[in-house]
Amino acid sequence: MTTKPPKARTAQPHHTGVYKADSIKDVAEMLNINISDAIATALASDVEYRVHQVVEEAAKFMRHGRRTTMTTSDIEQALRVLNIEPLYGHTPHNPPTFRRAAPVYGHLSNNAASSGSANAGAVYFVEDEEIDFDRVLREEKIVMPKGVSWTAHWLAVEGVQPLIPENPPPVPREIDLHPPETAKPNGVVAAPSAPPLAMINGTGIANDIKKPQQQQQSQHLVKQVLSRELQLYYTRLTSSLLPPSSDFAKRTAALASLRSDAGLQALLPYLIRWVGEGVVGALKEGVQTENDGKVLEILMEVIGAILDNNTLFVEPYLHQLLPPLLSTLLHSSLPRSHSTQLRTISSQTLSGLLTKHSTTYPSLSPRIMKTLLLALISPGKSKGTREGAIRGLIGVGKEAVRQGLVESGGAKVVGIEVQQEMGNVVEDEALKKAVMDALHVLRPPSDSEMSDSLNLSDEADLQVATRLHDVLGEYFALYVGRDAAWAKAIIGGNINDGLDLVGQEN
């Protein structure tokens, strides 16, 4: 049994294709563009393909939405998927209202006449809304809101929150570090003070009870309130650092916290004042004990840790940090077992302070060097003060050592006092060692133990020895003259300039 192929359908006249081409030509005429029939037919075919593609994508959204009616939202989503700009104004929330214009019979266009069409199809259009100007003028005008803008304000300045409308108002808190009577009606609270030095030394608190009014008057008032966390941190920190008999591990952890923790800016004035009071308390007696020496060492380490913390803004408090440093450095009578170490730590801390802040304050180094020079060469100063001045010059730098010991005759003054042998032998040795360390800063001596000394029979070496005796004095010239290269480097190498400088000084 054979099957016959299906009968082919007869071709029908493509009236719809003609109408599509006519629509394309109408749109082109609206844009003042003249196109041929072939181009209009090709464009109509492409438009038909694009419309089918959009309808197929919209049908997918319709099926996924479990609906049987296609909506304008499906068309909009399809356009977005095909990366086509959506049709604005045609949304399901504001559906357009179309009107139908009846077909016109008997009026044929040229294209329609050529194709044998008898009439034109119905036209659908969106009716424009009629606007009543009287109603629009009577309605209240809508005020457009301002655009988005940005403004800047300070959340905190050096740990203090400014009282501006943008910041929340401060929450009042109770201060545990002070008795209630220190609080003022205007919200100004006295700064927390350190534990009494008498308690640190273990001698009781009788000295602090005698003059409570004087202590309250000496307290600086600060317009801020410390949080509970910072109050607890301050208490734990000071109790871990002092007294010196406290746990070494806790003291190390406290110094590490000061050296690296951020967020301590609000506590910085309290810590600096605590250090200042501790140094004054340890140095106020005539003779310091071993416990006082340990206290001073810890306080110098605290200053060093504060300066090492890069998150703290220390510049406004430099005038409060320098007095404890210079007092420890230049005090006449420190405990013997801690004197050299204390002055060395103070010198290193002073060196770090000047390295970090001398560029911001150019006059800082000259002023400190002037103070150290006066302590070194002024008559009537103790050997401990002169040793501290030399250690301080080492901390300031090489040029300060040269100006203090060589050009200003500081080494000659020290050599005369050491030669007199009227003081303590330990102090003389410490002072002599400080001078030698300072001369090593100018130029290290030769490494070889068999270094050549100055030959007085040679005219050049004789001039060097003479110059060395003039600037360093007989005592230290004898030590330095054992190394000819060292001696020439200390006096500057140019003997003629050195002799001219001596003549100007005389």
Foldseek 3Di string as FASTA:
>chain_A
DDDDDDDDDDDDDPPVLLVQLVVQQVVCVVVVHDDDSVVSSVVSVVVVVVVVQLVVQLVVVCVVVVHDDGALVSSQVSCVVVVHDHDPPPDPVRHFDKDKDCWDFPDDDPSCVVSPHGTDDIDIDGDDDDDDVVVVVPDDDDDDDDDDDDDDDDCADLLHGDPDPVYDDDDDDDDPQDDPVQADPVGWHWFREADDVCVLVVNDCPVVVVCVPVVSVPTDIDNDDDDPVVNVLVVQLRVQLTDPPHDPVSLVVSLVCLQEPADCSVVVVRLLNNLLVLLCVQQVDPAHDPSSLSSLVSSLSSLLSNLNYPNYDCVVCPVSNVVSLLCLLQPQHDPLVRLLVSLLSSLQSLLSVCVVCCVVPVCPLVVLLVVLLCQQPPPPHHLSRNLSSLSNLVSSALVSLLCRQFLVPSLQVLQVVLVVPPDDPSSNVSSVVSNVVSLVRLPNADPDPPAAFQDCVDPVSVLLLVLLCLGNNDRVSVVQRRHSVSSCSSCPVDSVVSVVSSVVVD
